[in-house]
Amino acid sequence: MAPNSKERLETINKTAGELISDIDRHFAEICKERGINLSVGKQASALEQQEQALDKYPMPDEALNLSALEQAGYLGGDMLPLTKERAAELFEKDLAVYAIVDGGQAERMQDFESFPLDGIFAVSREEWEDSRDFDSLVQDRINHQEEREAAFLAHTGDCFAIYQLKDNESLRDIRFESTEWLKYIGRTVDRGNYDLVYTASLPDADSINASLDGLWKRFNNNHPADYHSPSMSVSDIVAIKRDGLVSCHYVDSFGFTELTGFLSDSPLKNAEMSVEDDYGMIDGIINNGEKQLIVVELEQQACSSKTVSFLAIKDMTRQGEDSKRKSVVGQLKEQPRQEYNKTASKRGAERER
């Protein structure tokens, strides 16, 4: 008896599943042979499924935001809201705590007995920012390098990240030194030597150079309150994400020098963001979207530390309709092995650091 529609559908699903598994297995084998690490992309994908954000101002009470004070009638702008429980904790730490009473007046609390039974409490922004609790929350960011870097790379808007050399005696000979000095002593810029110290949205600017100059001024003359690292200086690295593409810039003796390969997975992610069907498919794994075969070719450039340019993406997109007829495994096998390019391109600059 001829199979019915349900049986035919089950057969199709089973066959498709086996085919996909076979492709994934061959793809993983070839990636392993060529030294392509897919674990970073998978980890980033898992992180991207969680709610992620750039570095946020550490509030004294995460349960409340500034609107709580406005709703209570306080419009001064110099206070931060607290629940009664958190107010009691900070009071025990000798911070001045206020109760918002009479429709918006801030009354300083002298003892626990004087605390109202309910309502909104507050601490001054200045005193909070001078507290050990605030500094501890800022410094704790260093313990979450991977999550914060993944959030920066996954952020859909323009943003920036600042990296500084770890506080390590073995790095003394390259701290505050130029790229010319690094070349002279045979050292290279290594992500493993750096801590991610700050991320935030990128202020509007006409160009990347203008953005870099603006960040230099800000992080030397007017630090954000939650930036507790040294002022920007030579040997720091600024990563900028603009229009979906990431570029990394070494703070050099004269201006900034653009780097390639500092964030090893950013060229691949840049390529994916330019050719995938939507941002929801950005996972560092080349197995989704109609344009997946274009990403395979771009990955070869990423893995050889080459810059993925807009022109390359445009040309490959134009060829995508023909390329996608070939299998993923076939595309990988046809790609020649390429040597890593370790030479960083140097940008001109106008101003001495």
Protein backbone atom coordinates (compact mmCIF):
# COMPACT_ATOMS: atom_id res chain seq x y z
CA MET A 1 0.00 0.00 0.00
CA ALA A 2 1.33 3.45 -0.91
CA PRO A 3 2.55 5.56 2.02
CA ASN A 4 0.24 8.34 3.16
CA SER A 5 1.17 12.03 3.45
CA LYS A 6 2.21 11.74 7.10
CA GLU A 7 4.57 8.84 6.37
CA ARG A 8 6.10 10.69 3.42
CA LEU A 9 6.65 13.78 5.59
CA GLU A 10 8.33 11.70 8.30
CA THR A 11 10.62 10.14 5.69
CA ILE A 12 11.56 13.56 4.33
CA ASN A 13 12.28 14.93 7.83
CA LYS A 14 14.40 11.92 8.72
CA THR A 15 16.40 12.12 5.49
CA ALA A 16 16.92 15.88 5.88
CA GLY A 17 18.06 15.43 9.45
CA GLU A 18 20.60 12.80 8.48
CA LEU A 19 21.88 14.99 5.65
CA ILE A 20 22.32 18.02 7.92
CA SER A 21 24.11 15.91 10.55
CA ASP A 22 26.46 14.55 7.88
CA ILE A 23 27.25 18.07 6.62
CA ASP A 24 27.88 19.33 10.17
CA ARG A 25 30.20 16.39 10.88
CA HIS A 26 32.27 16.96 7.72
CA PHE A 27 32.34 20.69 8.36
CA ALA A 28 33.63 20.18 11.92
CA GLU A 29 36.33 17.79 10.66
CA ILE A 30 37.60 20.26 8.06
CA CYS A 31 37.52 23.16 10.55
CA LYS A 32 39.56 21.07 13.00
CA GLU A 33 42.05 20.21 10.24
CA ARG A 34 42.47 23.89 9.35
CA GLY A 35 42.68 25.12 12.93
CA ILE A 36 39.38 27.03 12.84
CA ASN A 37 38.02 27.31 16.38
CA LEU A 38 34.23 27.25 16.44
CA SER A 39 33.92 27.11 20.24
CA VAL A 40 34.26 30.89 20.58
CA GLY A 41 31.35 31.42 18.23
CA LYS A 42 29.22 28.85 20.06
CA GLN A 43 29.97 30.46 23.42
CA ALA A 44 29.12 33.87 22.03
CA SER A 45 25.88 32.49 20.61
CA ALA A 46 24.84 31.16 23.99
CA LEU A 47 25.67 34.47 25.60
CA GLU A 48 23.75 36.38 22.96
CA GLN A 49 20.62 34.48 23.90
CA GLN A 50 20.80 36.15 27.30
CA GLU A 51 19.99 39.78 27.91
CA GLN A 52 23.24 41.64 27.34
CA ALA A 53 24.21 45.26 27.67
CA LEU A 54 27.26 47.47 27.57
CA ASP A 55 28.74 48.57 30.90
CA LYS A 56 26.00 50.23 32.92
CA TYR A 57 26.26 52.82 35.67
CA PRO A 58 26.14 50.77 38.92
CA MET A 59 23.01 51.89 40.76
CA PRO A 60 23.02 51.62 44.57
CA ASP A 61 19.80 49.60 44.39
CA GLU A 62 19.22 47.55 41.24
CA ALA A 63 15.56 47.17 42.17
CA LEU A 64 14.88 50.84 41.39
CA ASN A 65 15.67 53.36 38.67
CA LEU A 66 15.57 57.16 38.64
CA SER A 67 11.89 57.23 37.76
CA ALA A 68 11.14 56.07 41.31
CA LEU A 69 12.32 59.41 42.67
CA GLU A 70 10.35 61.33 40.07
CA GLN A 71 7.21 59.42 40.97
CA ALA A 72 7.82 60.27 44.62
CA GLY A 73 8.03 63.98 43.67
CA TYR A 74 11.81 64.48 43.99
CA LEU A 75 13.19 66.22 40.88
CA GLY A 76 16.59 67.42 42.12
CA GLY A 77 18.67 65.00 40.02
CA ASP A 78 21.42 64.69 42.62
CA MET A 79 19.96 61.65 44.42
CA LEU A 80 19.66 57.95 43.61
CA PRO A 81 16.68 55.87 44.84
CA LEU A 82 16.79 53.11 47.46
CA THR A 83 14.36 50.60 48.90
CA LYS A 84 14.08 50.62 52.69
CA GLU A 85 16.16 47.42 52.97
CA ARG A 86 19.00 48.84 50.88
CA ALA A 87 18.78 52.18 52.67
CA ALA A 88 19.33 50.35 55.97
CA GLU A 89 22.40 48.56 54.54
CA LEU A 90 24.02 51.81 53.37
CA PHE A 91 23.10 53.54 56.63
CA GLU A 92 25.04 50.82 58.46
CA LYS A 93 28.01 51.68 56.23
CA ASP A 94 27.88 55.31 57.36
CA LEU A 95 26.44 56.73 54.14
CA ALA A 96 23.95 59.57 54.51
CA VAL A 97 20.48 58.21 53.76
CA TYR A 98 17.41 60.32 53.02
CA ALA A 99 13.69 59.64 53.02
CA ILE A 100 11.56 61.31 50.37
CA VAL A 101 8.65 62.82 52.29
CA ASP A 102 5.93 65.46 51.91
CA GLY A 103 5.58 64.95 48.17
CA GLY A 104 9.24 65.41 47.26
CA GLN A 105 11.31 66.69 50.18
CA ALA A 106 14.55 64.85 51.10
CA GLU A 107 14.86 64.36 54.87
CA ARG A 108 18.09 62.92 56.23
CA MET A 109 17.62 59.92 58.50
CA GLN A 110 19.39 60.13 61.85
CA ASP A 111 18.63 56.62 63.13
CA PHE A 112 16.65 53.51 62.27
CA GLU A 113 13.79 54.48 64.53
CA SER A 114 13.16 57.57 62.43
CA PHE A 115 12.80 55.57 59.18
CA PRO A 116 9.25 55.77 57.75
CA LEU A 117 7.45 52.45 57.50
CA ASP A 118 7.31 52.65 53.71
CA GLY A 119 8.12 54.98 50.84
CA ILE A 120 11.23 55.77 48.78
CA PHE A 121 14.66 56.47 50.22
CA ALA A 122 17.74 57.96 48.56
CA VAL A 123 21.49 58.51 48.73
CA SER A 124 23.33 61.40 47.13
CA ARG A 125 24.95 60.56 43.82
CA GLU A 126 28.25 62.13 44.94
CA GLU A 127 28.45 60.12 48.16
CA TRP A 128 27.50 56.90 46.38
CA GLU A 129 30.22 57.40 43.76
CA ASP A 130 32.79 57.93 46.54
CA SER A 131 31.74 54.76 48.36
CA ARG A 132 33.55 51.43 48.48
CA ASP A 133 30.44 49.66 47.22
CA PHE A 134 30.40 51.72 44.03
CA ASP A 135 34.11 51.14 43.39
CA SER A 136 33.70 47.41 44.06
CA LEU A 137 30.92 47.12 41.48
CA VAL A 138 33.05 48.93 38.90
CA GLN A 139 36.16 46.84 39.59
CA ASP A 140 34.12 43.62 39.44
CA ARG A 141 33.72 44.13 35.69
CA ILE A 142 37.23 42.75 35.20
CA ASN A 143 35.90 39.37 36.36
CA HIS A 144 33.43 39.24 33.47
CA GLN A 145 35.69 39.71 30.45
CA GLU A 146 34.09 37.20 28.11
CA GLU A 147 30.50 38.24 28.78
CA ARG A 148 31.25 41.94 28.35
CA GLU A 149 33.28 41.43 25.18
CA ALA A 150 30.48 39.28 23.74
CA ALA A 151 27.99 42.01 24.62
CA PHE A 152 30.16 44.60 22.85
CA LEU A 153 30.47 42.46 19.71
CA ALA A 154 26.76 41.61 19.69
CA HIS A 155 25.56 45.17 20.35
CA THR A 156 23.47 46.40 17.42
CA GLY A 157 24.32 50.09 17.83
CA ASP A 158 27.58 52.02 17.49
CA CYS A 159 29.76 51.46 20.56
CA PHE A 160 33.35 51.31 21.80
CA ALA A 161 35.53 49.28 24.15
CA ILE A 162 38.75 50.28 25.91
CA TYR A 163 41.46 47.72 26.69
CA GLN A 164 44.47 48.31 28.94
CA LEU A 165 47.49 46.15 29.74
CA LYS A 166 47.07 43.92 32.77
CA ASP A 167 48.78 44.95 36.00
CA ASN A 168 51.58 42.45 35.50
CA GLU A 169 55.28 42.98 36.08
CA SER A 170 56.11 40.91 32.98
CA LEU A 171 54.47 43.57 30.81
CA ARG A 172 56.53 46.45 32.15
CA ASP A 173 58.71 46.62 29.04
CA ILE A 174 55.71 47.26 26.75
CA ARG A 175 53.52 49.46 28.98
CA PHE A 176 53.21 53.02 27.61
CA GLU A 177 55.37 52.01 24.65
CA SER A 178 54.77 52.61 20.93
CA THR A 179 54.25 50.03 18.20
CA GLU A 180 57.71 50.90 16.88
CA TRP A 181 59.19 49.86 20.21
CA LEU A 182 57.23 46.61 20.15
CA LYS A 183 58.67 45.81 16.73
CA TYR A 184 62.16 46.71 17.91
CA ILE A 185 62.05 44.28 20.85
CA GLY A 186 60.21 41.60 18.87
CA ARG A 187 56.89 41.79 20.72
CA THR A 188 53.39 41.78 19.29
CA VAL A 189 50.04 43.09 20.53
CA ASP A 190 48.37 40.16 22.30
CA ARG A 191 44.75 40.18 23.48
CA GLY A 192 45.78 37.92 26.35
CA ASN A 193 47.87 40.75 27.84
CA TYR A 194 44.88 43.09 28.08
CA ASP A 195 41.88 43.67 30.31
CA LEU A 196 38.64 45.05 28.94
CA VAL A 197 38.12 48.06 31.21
CA TYR A 198 35.15 49.89 29.73
CA THR A 199 32.40 49.66 27.12
CA ALA A 200 29.74 52.21 26.19
CA SER A 201 27.73 53.61 23.31
CA LEU A 202 29.79 55.57 20.79
CA PRO A 203 29.10 59.34 20.73
CA ASP A 204 28.10 60.73 17.35
CA ALA A 205 31.05 61.73 15.15
CA ASP A 206 31.73 62.25 11.45
CA SER A 207 34.36 59.51 11.20
CA ILE A 208 36.27 56.88 13.13
CA ASN A 209 39.21 59.29 13.49
CA ALA A 210 36.89 61.90 14.97
CA SER A 211 35.52 59.28 17.36
CA LEU A 212 39.02 58.31 18.48
CA ASP A 213 40.00 61.93 19.08
CA GLY A 214 36.82 62.50 21.06
CA LEU A 215 37.43 59.43 23.22
CA TRP A 216 41.02 60.51 23.84
CA LYS A 217 39.83 63.85 25.19
CA ARG A 218 37.04 62.35 27.26
CA PHE A 219 39.17 59.67 28.89
CA ASN A 220 41.90 62.13 29.76
CA ASN A 221 39.94 65.19 30.81
CA ASN A 222 36.42 64.14 31.80
CA HIS A 223 36.18 60.52 32.91
CA PRO A 224 32.73 58.97 33.30
CA ALA A 225 31.91 58.45 36.97
CA ASP A 226 32.04 54.66 36.57
CA TYR A 227 35.44 54.63 34.86
CA HIS A 228 38.02 53.82 37.54
CA SER A 229 40.97 52.93 35.33
CA PRO A 230 43.99 55.09 34.37
CA SER A 231 43.54 57.82 31.79
CA MET A 232 43.87 56.69 28.18
CA SER A 233 47.52 56.46 27.24
CA VAL A 234 50.03 54.88 24.85
CA SER A 235 49.66 51.05 24.72
CA ASP A 236 45.90 51.19 25.32
CA ILE A 237 43.62 49.80 22.62
CA VAL A 238 40.28 51.25 21.54
CA ALA A 239 37.87 48.96 19.69
CA ILE A 240 35.16 50.79 17.78
CA LYS A 241 32.01 49.25 16.40
CA ARG A 242 30.51 51.55 13.77
CA ASP A 243 27.83 50.63 11.24
CA GLY A 244 28.15 46.99 12.29
CA LEU A 245 31.91 46.67 11.70
CA VAL A 246 34.59 46.45 14.38
CA SER A 247 38.04 48.04 14.10
CA CYS A 248 40.78 48.08 16.75
CA HIS A 249 43.20 50.97 17.27
CA TYR A 250 46.42 51.07 19.29
CA VAL A 251 47.04 54.35 21.13
CA ASP A 252 50.46 55.11 19.70
CA SER A 253 53.13 57.75 20.33
CA PHE A 254 51.60 59.71 17.47
CA GLY A 255 47.88 59.22 17.03
CA PHE A 256 46.38 55.77 16.61
CA THR A 257 47.60 52.70 14.74
CA GLU A 258 44.95 50.35 13.39
CA LEU A 259 45.39 46.67 14.30
CA THR A 260 44.22 43.47 12.67
CA GLY A 261 43.52 40.29 14.58
CA PHE A 262 43.33 41.78 18.11
CA LEU A 263 39.78 40.53 18.52
CA SER A 264 40.24 37.22 16.72
CA ASP A 265 36.56 36.57 16.09
CA SER A 266 35.54 40.09 15.08
CA PRO A 267 36.44 39.79 11.35
CA LEU A 268 34.20 36.73 11.05
CA LYS A 269 31.46 38.40 13.02
CA ASN A 270 31.81 41.52 10.85
CA ALA A 271 31.43 39.37 7.75
CA GLU A 272 28.42 37.55 9.15
CA MET A 273 26.70 40.78 10.12
CA SER A 274 27.13 42.01 6.57
CA VAL A 275 25.83 38.95 4.72
CA GLU A 276 23.55 36.95 7.04
CA ASP A 277 19.82 37.27 6.55
CA ASP A 278 19.27 38.86 9.97
CA TYR A 279 21.13 39.62 13.21
CA GLY A 280 19.40 36.70 14.91
CA MET A 281 21.58 34.38 12.84
CA ILE A 282 24.89 35.86 14.03
CA ASP A 283 26.44 32.97 15.94
CA GLY A 284 29.96 32.49 14.55
CA ILE A 285 28.88 29.18 13.02
CA ILE A 286 28.76 28.94 9.24
CA ASN A 287 25.62 26.88 8.80
CA ASN A 288 22.68 29.21 8.39
CA GLY A 289 21.12 31.64 5.95
CA GLU A 290 21.02 31.68 2.16
CA LYS A 291 24.32 33.56 2.09
CA GLN A 292 26.23 31.01 4.20
CA LEU A 293 28.66 30.17 1.41
CA ILE A 294 29.76 33.78 1.14
CA VAL A 295 30.64 33.68 4.85
CA VAL A 296 32.74 30.56 4.26
CA GLU A 297 34.94 32.52 1.87
CA LEU A 298 35.07 35.54 4.16
CA GLU A 299 36.06 33.25 7.04
CA GLN A 300 39.24 32.37 5.21
CA GLN A 301 40.19 36.04 5.27
CA ALA A 302 39.24 36.32 8.94
CA CYS A 303 41.35 33.32 9.90
CA SER A 304 44.35 34.73 8.03
CA SER A 305 44.01 38.04 9.94
CA LYS A 306 43.11 39.94 6.79
CA THR A 307 40.82 42.94 6.92
CA VAL A 308 37.37 42.16 5.48
CA SER A 309 36.55 45.21 3.38
CA PHE A 310 33.21 46.49 2.19
CA LEU A 311 34.34 45.89 -1.43
CA ALA A 312 35.11 42.25 -0.71
CA ILE A 313 31.73 41.78 0.89
CA LYS A 314 30.03 43.51 -2.06
CA ASP A 315 31.84 41.38 -4.63
CA MET A 316 31.13 38.15 -2.80
CA THR A 317 27.49 39.05 -2.34
CA ARG A 318 27.19 39.55 -6.11
CA GLN A 319 28.61 36.09 -6.64
CA GLY A 320 26.47 34.53 -3.92
CA GLU A 321 23.72 33.21 -6.18
CA ASP A 322 26.17 31.03 -8.10
CA SER A 323 28.26 30.07 -5.08
CA LYS A 324 25.38 28.80 -2.99
CA ARG A 325 24.83 25.94 -5.43
CA LYS A 326 28.02 24.31 -4.15
CA SER A 327 28.08 22.34 -0.91
CA VAL A 328 29.60 23.79 2.24
CA VAL A 329 32.14 20.99 2.38
CA GLY A 330 33.09 21.54 -1.26
CA GLN A 331 33.61 25.26 -0.71
CA LEU A 332 35.90 24.61 2.25
CA LYS A 333 37.95 22.01 0.42
CA GLU A 334 38.44 24.34 -2.56
CA GLN A 335 39.86 27.12 -0.39
CA PRO A 336 43.70 27.19 -0.44
CA ARG A 337 45.61 27.23 2.79
CA GLN A 338 46.81 30.73 3.61
CA GLU A 339 49.64 32.01 5.76
CA TYR A 340 48.86 34.33 8.64
CA ASN A 341 49.71 37.97 8.01
CA LYS A 342 51.26 39.31 11.21
CA THR A 343 52.05 42.78 9.95
CA ALA A 344 49.72 45.46 11.33
CA SER A 345 48.82 48.33 9.04
CA LYS A 346 49.81 51.71 10.41
CA ARG A 347 47.63 54.78 10.28
CA GLY A 348 48.91 58.33 9.99
CA ALA A 349 48.23 60.71 12.85
CA GLU A 350 48.38 64.43 13.51
CA ARG A 351 48.76 64.76 17.24
CA GLU A 352 51.36 63.42 19.65
CA ARG A 353 49.97 61.51 22.59
